[in-house]
Amino acid sequence: MAHYSFITRHTGNTAFETEIGKHKVVMDTGSDGDDLGPSPKRLLLGTLAGCTGMDVVSLLRKMRVPFSDFEILTEADLTEEHPRVFSQVWIVYRIRVDEQYRDKMEKAVNLSVEKYCGITAMLRKNSPVEHRIEYL
């Protein structure tokens, strides 16, 4: 079983820095802080895109599907009451792929969303996660 352990340090005002392997991630808030990095919730949406995107790219490569211009839009609504959590999450996959491969793209996205992406699975325990594909 994998185990993760990180130390996150306060760096001033409302900013925090986490060292993850060789990478430093800064989190902050623009409303009360100095806006030195994304807020934790925004960062979570970014990790969702990275998680599912890596799955989709890996699956498309295994299926030998040529693609380009791949980007992922993530959006979420927050509840009004505290703790403010995501009440709805949307993932939009935008990609250029020949029409003959669209069924494989749909299969790759569905496998990521339903089976492989742990971030999607964790978020789904709290709120609905909807997805769609936009072909360029």
N, C-alpha and C. Protein backbone atom coordinates (compact mmCIF):
# COMPACT_ATOMS: atom_id res chain seq x y z
N MET A 1 0.85 -1.17 0.00
CA MET A 1 0.00 0.00 0.00
C MET A 1 0.89 1.24 0.00
N ALA A 2 0.54 2.21 -0.81
CA ALA A 2 1.29 3.47 -0.88
C ALA A 2 0.94 4.34 0.31
N HIS A 3 1.92 5.10 0.74
CA HIS A 3 1.73 6.03 1.86
C HIS A 3 2.39 7.34 1.48
N TYR A 4 1.68 8.43 1.66
CA TYR A 4 2.23 9.76 1.37
C TYR A 4 2.39 10.53 2.66
N SER A 5 3.47 11.29 2.74
CA SER A 5 3.71 12.11 3.91
C SER A 5 4.44 13.38 3.48
N PHE A 6 3.86 14.54 3.80
CA PHE A 6 4.45 15.82 3.44
C PHE A 6 4.33 16.77 4.61
N ILE A 7 5.26 17.68 4.69
CA ILE A 7 5.18 18.76 5.68
C ILE A 7 4.85 20.04 4.92
N THR A 8 3.88 20.76 5.41
CA THR A 8 3.46 22.03 4.82
C THR A 8 3.78 23.12 5.81
N ARG A 9 4.55 24.11 5.37
CA ARG A 9 5.02 25.17 6.26
C ARG A 9 4.36 26.50 5.97
N HIS A 10 4.04 27.21 7.03
CA HIS A 10 3.52 28.57 6.93
C HIS A 10 4.67 29.46 6.52
N THR A 11 4.48 30.26 5.46
CA THR A 11 5.57 31.11 4.97
C THR A 11 5.28 32.59 5.14
N GLY A 12 4.15 32.92 5.74
CA GLY A 12 3.81 34.32 5.97
C GLY A 12 2.37 34.61 5.57
N ASN A 13 1.76 35.52 6.27
CA ASN A 13 0.37 35.91 6.06
C ASN A 13 -0.49 34.66 5.95
N THR A 14 -1.12 34.39 4.81
CA THR A 14 -1.93 33.18 4.68
C THR A 14 -1.29 32.15 3.75
N ALA A 15 -0.04 32.32 3.39
CA ALA A 15 0.65 31.43 2.45
C ALA A 15 1.26 30.21 3.15
N PHE A 16 1.21 29.09 2.43
CA PHE A 16 1.83 27.85 2.89
C PHE A 16 2.58 27.23 1.72
N GLU A 17 3.65 26.51 2.04
CA GLU A 17 4.45 25.84 1.02
C GLU A 17 4.61 24.38 1.40
N THR A 18 4.36 23.50 0.43
CA THR A 18 4.53 22.07 0.61
C THR A 18 5.61 21.60 -0.35
N GLU A 19 6.56 20.83 0.17
CA GLU A 19 7.57 20.24 -0.70
C GLU A 19 7.16 18.81 -0.98
N ILE A 20 6.94 18.54 -2.26
CA ILE A 20 6.49 17.22 -2.70
C ILE A 20 7.58 16.67 -3.61
N GLY A 21 8.37 15.77 -3.08
CA GLY A 21 9.53 15.29 -3.82
C GLY A 21 10.48 16.44 -4.05
N LYS A 22 10.81 16.71 -5.29
CA LYS A 22 11.71 17.81 -5.65
C LYS A 22 10.95 19.09 -5.98
N HIS A 23 9.64 19.10 -5.76
CA HIS A 23 8.81 20.21 -6.18
C HIS A 23 8.21 20.95 -5.00
N LYS A 24 8.21 22.26 -5.09
CA LYS A 24 7.58 23.09 -4.06
C LYS A 24 6.27 23.63 -4.61
N VAL A 25 5.22 23.49 -3.81
CA VAL A 25 3.90 23.98 -4.18
C VAL A 25 3.51 25.04 -3.16
N VAL A 26 3.18 26.22 -3.65
CA VAL A 26 2.75 27.32 -2.78
C VAL A 26 1.24 27.47 -2.89
N MET A 27 0.60 27.59 -1.74
CA MET A 27 -0.84 27.84 -1.68
C MET A 27 -1.08 29.12 -0.93
N ASP A 28 -2.06 29.88 -1.35
CA ASP A 28 -2.38 31.15 -0.70
C ASP A 28 -3.81 31.51 -1.06
N THR A 29 -4.22 32.64 -0.62
CA THR A 29 -5.53 33.15 -0.99
C THR A 29 -5.40 34.59 -1.44
N GLY A 30 -6.18 34.95 -2.41
CA GLY A 30 -6.14 36.32 -2.90
C GLY A 30 -7.01 37.25 -2.06
N SER A 31 -8.00 36.70 -1.38
CA SER A 31 -8.93 37.56 -0.64
C SER A 31 -8.32 38.14 0.63
N ASP A 32 -7.66 37.31 1.43
CA ASP A 32 -7.06 37.78 2.68
C ASP A 32 -5.54 37.77 2.62
N GLY A 33 -4.99 37.13 1.62
CA GLY A 33 -3.55 36.93 1.58
C GLY A 33 -2.88 37.75 0.50
N ASP A 34 -1.72 37.27 0.10
CA ASP A 34 -0.90 37.97 -0.89
C ASP A 34 -0.99 37.36 -2.28
N ASP A 35 -1.86 36.36 -2.46
CA ASP A 35 -2.07 35.72 -3.75
C ASP A 35 -0.76 35.18 -4.33
N LEU A 36 0.01 34.48 -3.49
CA LEU A 36 1.30 33.92 -3.92
C LEU A 36 1.17 32.58 -4.62
N GLY A 37 -0.02 32.01 -4.59
CA GLY A 37 -0.27 30.72 -5.23
C GLY A 37 -1.75 30.46 -5.25
N PRO A 38 -2.15 29.36 -5.85
CA PRO A 38 -3.57 29.05 -5.90
C PRO A 38 -4.10 28.68 -4.52
N SER A 39 -5.40 28.87 -4.33
CA SER A 39 -6.03 28.42 -3.09
C SER A 39 -6.08 26.89 -3.11
N PRO A 40 -6.18 26.26 -1.95
CA PRO A 40 -6.21 24.80 -1.92
C PRO A 40 -7.34 24.20 -2.76
N LYS A 41 -8.53 24.81 -2.75
CA LYS A 41 -9.63 24.25 -3.55
C LYS A 41 -9.36 24.38 -5.04
N ARG A 42 -8.80 25.51 -5.45
CA ARG A 42 -8.45 25.66 -6.87
C ARG A 42 -7.35 24.68 -7.27
N LEU A 43 -6.41 24.49 -6.38
CA LEU A 43 -5.34 23.53 -6.64
C LEU A 43 -5.91 22.11 -6.77
N LEU A 44 -6.91 21.80 -5.96
CA LEU A 44 -7.55 20.49 -6.05
C LEU A 44 -8.19 20.28 -7.42
N LEU A 45 -8.85 21.31 -7.95
CA LEU A 45 -9.41 21.19 -9.30
C LEU A 45 -8.31 20.99 -10.34
N GLY A 46 -7.17 21.64 -10.13
CA GLY A 46 -6.03 21.43 -11.03
C GLY A 46 -5.49 20.01 -10.94
N THR A 47 -5.45 19.46 -9.74
CA THR A 47 -4.97 18.07 -9.61
C THR A 47 -5.96 17.09 -10.23
N LEU A 48 -7.25 17.42 -10.17
CA LEU A 48 -8.25 16.60 -10.84
C LEU A 48 -7.96 16.54 -12.34
N ALA A 49 -7.72 17.70 -12.95
CA ALA A 49 -7.42 17.75 -14.38
C ALA A 49 -6.15 16.97 -14.69
N GLY A 50 -5.13 17.14 -13.88
CA GLY A 50 -3.87 16.42 -14.11
C GLY A 50 -4.05 14.91 -13.99
N CYS A 51 -4.79 14.49 -12.99
CA CYS A 51 -5.01 13.06 -12.75
C CYS A 51 -5.73 12.40 -13.92
N THR A 52 -6.87 12.96 -14.28
CA THR A 52 -7.65 12.36 -15.36
C THR A 52 -6.95 12.54 -16.71
N GLY A 53 -6.28 13.67 -16.90
CA GLY A 53 -5.56 13.90 -18.14
C GLY A 53 -4.44 12.90 -18.36
N MET A 54 -3.70 12.60 -17.31
CA MET A 54 -2.62 11.61 -17.44
C MET A 54 -3.17 10.24 -17.78
N ASP A 55 -4.33 9.90 -17.18
CA ASP A 55 -4.97 8.62 -17.52
C ASP A 55 -5.34 8.59 -19.00
N VAL A 56 -6.01 9.64 -19.47
CA VAL A 56 -6.49 9.68 -20.85
C VAL A 56 -5.32 9.60 -21.83
N VAL A 57 -4.27 10.37 -21.59
CA VAL A 57 -3.10 10.33 -22.48
C VAL A 57 -2.49 8.93 -22.51
N SER A 58 -2.34 8.32 -21.36
CA SER A 58 -1.77 6.98 -21.29
C SER A 58 -2.63 5.97 -22.05
N LEU A 59 -3.93 6.05 -21.86
CA LEU A 59 -4.84 5.13 -22.55
C LEU A 59 -4.85 5.36 -24.06
N LEU A 60 -4.86 6.63 -24.49
CA LEU A 60 -4.84 6.93 -25.92
C LEU A 60 -3.56 6.41 -26.57
N ARG A 61 -2.45 6.55 -25.86
CA ARG A 61 -1.18 6.04 -26.40
C ARG A 61 -1.23 4.52 -26.55
N LYS A 62 -1.77 3.84 -25.52
CA LYS A 62 -1.88 2.38 -25.60
C LYS A 62 -2.80 1.95 -26.74
N MET A 63 -3.83 2.75 -27.02
CA MET A 63 -4.76 2.45 -28.11
C MET A 63 -4.25 2.97 -29.46
N ARG A 64 -3.07 3.59 -29.44
CA ARG A 64 -2.46 4.15 -30.65
C ARG A 64 -3.37 5.16 -31.35
N VAL A 65 -3.91 6.07 -30.54
CA VAL A 65 -4.79 7.11 -31.06
C VAL A 65 -4.00 8.41 -31.17
N PRO A 66 -3.82 8.93 -32.39
CA PRO A 66 -3.15 10.22 -32.53
C PRO A 66 -4.10 11.35 -32.11
N PHE A 67 -3.55 12.32 -31.37
CA PHE A 67 -4.35 13.44 -30.90
C PHE A 67 -3.47 14.67 -30.77
N SER A 68 -4.11 15.83 -30.65
CA SER A 68 -3.38 17.07 -30.40
C SER A 68 -4.31 18.04 -29.70
N ASP A 69 -3.76 19.17 -29.31
CA ASP A 69 -4.53 20.26 -28.70
C ASP A 69 -5.41 19.79 -27.55
N PHE A 70 -4.87 18.98 -26.68
CA PHE A 70 -5.63 18.42 -25.56
C PHE A 70 -5.57 19.36 -24.37
N GLU A 71 -6.73 19.75 -23.87
CA GLU A 71 -6.81 20.54 -22.65
C GLU A 71 -8.05 20.12 -21.88
N ILE A 72 -8.03 20.40 -20.59
CA ILE A 72 -9.13 20.01 -19.72
C ILE A 72 -9.58 21.22 -18.93
N LEU A 73 -10.86 21.50 -19.01
CA LEU A 73 -11.47 22.57 -18.22
C LEU A 73 -12.13 21.93 -17.01
N THR A 74 -11.81 22.42 -15.82
CA THR A 74 -12.48 21.96 -14.61
C THR A 74 -13.19 23.14 -13.98
N GLU A 75 -14.40 22.89 -13.53
CA GLU A 75 -15.21 23.91 -12.86
C GLU A 75 -15.91 23.28 -11.68
N ALA A 76 -16.24 24.10 -10.69
CA ALA A 76 -16.98 23.61 -9.53
C ALA A 76 -17.78 24.72 -8.91
N ASP A 77 -18.90 24.35 -8.33
CA ASP A 77 -19.69 25.25 -7.50
C ASP A 77 -19.41 24.92 -6.05
N LEU A 78 -19.37 25.97 -5.22
CA LEU A 78 -19.15 25.80 -3.77
C LEU A 78 -20.45 26.02 -3.02
N THR A 79 -20.61 25.29 -1.93
CA THR A 79 -21.75 25.53 -1.05
C THR A 79 -21.58 26.87 -0.35
N GLU A 80 -22.66 27.44 0.11
CA GLU A 80 -22.61 28.72 0.83
C GLU A 80 -22.23 28.53 2.29
N GLU A 81 -22.64 27.40 2.88
CA GLU A 81 -22.38 27.16 4.31
C GLU A 81 -21.00 26.53 4.52
N HIS A 82 -20.49 26.72 5.70
CA HIS A 82 -19.18 26.17 6.08
C HIS A 82 -19.36 24.77 6.64
N PRO A 83 -18.46 23.86 6.37
CA PRO A 83 -17.31 24.06 5.50
C PRO A 83 -17.75 24.15 4.05
N ARG A 84 -17.19 25.11 3.33
CA ARG A 84 -17.55 25.31 1.92
C ARG A 84 -16.88 24.22 1.10
N VAL A 85 -17.71 23.36 0.53
CA VAL A 85 -17.22 22.23 -0.25
C VAL A 85 -17.81 22.31 -1.66
N PHE A 86 -17.28 21.51 -2.55
CA PHE A 86 -17.82 21.47 -3.90
C PHE A 86 -19.19 20.81 -3.87
N SER A 87 -20.18 21.49 -4.43
CA SER A 87 -21.52 20.90 -4.53
C SER A 87 -21.72 20.26 -5.90
N GLN A 88 -20.93 20.64 -6.88
CA GLN A 88 -21.00 20.10 -8.23
C GLN A 88 -19.65 20.34 -8.90
N VAL A 89 -19.17 19.35 -9.64
CA VAL A 89 -17.91 19.46 -10.36
C VAL A 89 -18.15 19.07 -11.81
N TRP A 90 -17.54 19.83 -12.73
CA TRP A 90 -17.62 19.54 -14.16
C TRP A 90 -16.22 19.40 -14.72
N ILE A 91 -16.05 18.42 -15.61
CA ILE A 91 -14.80 18.22 -16.33
C ILE A 91 -15.13 18.25 -17.82
N VAL A 92 -14.46 19.12 -18.56
CA VAL A 92 -14.66 19.20 -20.01
C VAL A 92 -13.33 18.88 -20.68
N TYR A 93 -13.31 17.81 -21.43
CA TYR A 93 -12.13 17.39 -22.19
C TYR A 93 -12.23 18.01 -23.57
N ARG A 94 -11.26 18.82 -23.93
CA ARG A 94 -11.22 19.42 -25.27
C ARG A 94 -10.02 18.83 -26.00
N ILE A 95 -10.30 18.26 -27.16
CA ILE A 95 -9.23 17.54 -27.86
C ILE A 95 -9.47 17.52 -29.36
N ARG A 96 -8.38 17.49 -30.08
CA ARG A 96 -8.44 17.32 -31.53
C ARG A 96 -8.05 15.86 -31.81
N VAL A 97 -9.00 15.12 -32.35
CA VAL A 97 -8.78 13.71 -32.70
C VAL A 97 -9.69 13.41 -33.90
N ASP A 98 -9.18 12.62 -34.83
CA ASP A 98 -9.97 12.26 -36.01
C ASP A 98 -11.25 11.55 -35.58
N GLU A 99 -12.30 11.77 -36.35
CA GLU A 99 -13.61 11.21 -36.04
C GLU A 99 -13.57 9.68 -35.87
N GLN A 100 -12.71 9.02 -36.63
CA GLN A 100 -12.62 7.56 -36.54
C GLN A 100 -12.15 7.06 -35.18
N TYR A 101 -11.53 7.96 -34.38
CA TYR A 101 -11.00 7.57 -33.07
C TYR A 101 -11.86 8.05 -31.91
N ARG A 102 -12.97 8.69 -32.19
CA ARG A 102 -13.77 9.28 -31.11
C ARG A 102 -14.31 8.24 -30.13
N ASP A 103 -14.64 7.05 -30.63
CA ASP A 103 -15.11 6.01 -29.71
C ASP A 103 -14.01 5.61 -28.73
N LYS A 104 -12.77 5.61 -29.19
CA LYS A 104 -11.65 5.29 -28.29
C LYS A 104 -11.41 6.41 -27.29
N MET A 105 -11.59 7.65 -27.72
CA MET A 105 -11.47 8.78 -26.80
C MET A 105 -12.53 8.66 -25.71
N GLU A 106 -13.74 8.36 -26.09
CA GLU A 106 -14.82 8.21 -25.11
C GLU A 106 -14.53 7.07 -24.15
N LYS A 107 -13.98 5.99 -24.67
CA LYS A 107 -13.61 4.85 -23.81
C LYS A 107 -12.52 5.27 -22.82
N ALA A 108 -11.51 6.00 -23.31
CA ALA A 108 -10.42 6.44 -22.43
C ALA A 108 -10.94 7.35 -21.32
N VAL A 109 -11.80 8.29 -21.68
CA VAL A 109 -12.36 9.21 -20.67
C VAL A 109 -13.19 8.43 -19.66
N ASN A 110 -14.05 7.55 -20.14
CA ASN A 110 -14.89 6.79 -19.22
C ASN A 110 -14.07 5.91 -18.28
N LEU A 111 -13.01 5.30 -18.80
CA LEU A 111 -12.14 4.48 -17.94
C LEU A 111 -11.48 5.35 -16.86
N SER A 112 -11.03 6.54 -17.26
CA SER A 112 -10.41 7.43 -16.28
C SER A 112 -11.40 7.82 -15.21
N VAL A 113 -12.56 8.31 -15.63
CA VAL A 113 -13.56 8.84 -14.69
C VAL A 113 -14.14 7.74 -13.80
N GLU A 114 -14.35 6.57 -14.35
CA GLU A 114 -15.05 5.51 -13.61
C GLU A 114 -14.12 4.53 -12.90
N LYS A 115 -12.86 4.44 -13.35
CA LYS A 115 -11.99 3.39 -12.80
C LYS A 115 -10.65 3.88 -12.27
N TYR A 116 -9.95 4.71 -13.04
CA TYR A 116 -8.55 4.97 -12.73
C TYR A 116 -8.25 6.22 -11.91
N CYS A 117 -8.93 7.32 -12.14
CA CYS A 117 -8.56 8.58 -11.50
C CYS A 117 -9.03 8.62 -10.04
N GLY A 118 -8.09 8.53 -9.13
CA GLY A 118 -8.41 8.54 -7.71
C GLY A 118 -8.96 9.87 -7.22
N ILE A 119 -8.54 10.96 -7.84
CA ILE A 119 -9.06 12.28 -7.45
C ILE A 119 -10.55 12.37 -7.80
N THR A 120 -10.93 11.90 -8.97
CA THR A 120 -12.34 11.88 -9.34
C THR A 120 -13.14 11.04 -8.34
N ALA A 121 -12.61 9.88 -8.01
CA ALA A 121 -13.31 8.99 -7.06
C ALA A 121 -13.49 9.65 -5.70
N MET A 122 -12.45 10.35 -5.22
CA MET A 122 -12.56 11.02 -3.92
C MET A 122 -13.57 12.15 -3.96
N LEU A 123 -13.52 12.96 -5.02
CA LEU A 123 -14.46 14.07 -5.13
C LEU A 123 -15.90 13.57 -5.27
N ARG A 124 -16.09 12.49 -6.00
CA ARG A 124 -17.42 11.94 -6.23
C ARG A 124 -18.07 11.50 -4.91
N LYS A 125 -17.30 11.18 -3.90
CA LYS A 125 -17.86 10.80 -2.61
C LYS A 125 -18.58 11.97 -1.94
N ASN A 126 -18.26 13.19 -2.36
CA ASN A 126 -18.87 14.38 -1.78
C ASN A 126 -19.88 15.06 -2.69
N SER A 127 -19.62 15.05 -3.99
CA SER A 127 -20.47 15.81 -4.91
C SER A 127 -20.52 15.15 -6.28
N PRO A 128 -21.57 15.44 -7.04
CA PRO A 128 -21.63 14.90 -8.40
C PRO A 128 -20.49 15.43 -9.26
N VAL A 129 -19.94 14.56 -10.08
CA VAL A 129 -18.89 14.94 -11.03
C VAL A 129 -19.41 14.58 -12.42
N GLU A 130 -19.62 15.60 -13.23
CA GLU A 130 -20.09 15.39 -14.60
C GLU A 130 -18.95 15.65 -15.56
N HIS A 131 -18.98 14.97 -16.70
CA HIS A 131 -17.93 15.19 -17.70
C HIS A 131 -18.52 15.15 -19.10
N ARG A 132 -17.80 15.78 -20.00
CA ARG A 132 -18.16 15.72 -21.42
C ARG A 132 -16.89 15.96 -22.24
N ILE A 133 -16.99 15.61 -23.51
CA ILE A 133 -15.88 15.79 -24.44
C ILE A 133 -16.30 16.79 -25.50
N GLU A 134 -15.43 17.74 -25.78
CA GLU A 134 -15.61 18.68 -26.88
C GLU A 134 -14.52 18.41 -27.90
N TYR A 135 -14.94 18.04 -29.11
CA TYR A 135 -13.96 17.76 -30.16
C TYR A 135 -13.65 19.04 -30.93
N LEU A 136 -12.38 19.30 -31.12
CA LEU A 136 -11.94 20.51 -31.82
C LEU A 136 -11.81 20.26 -33.32
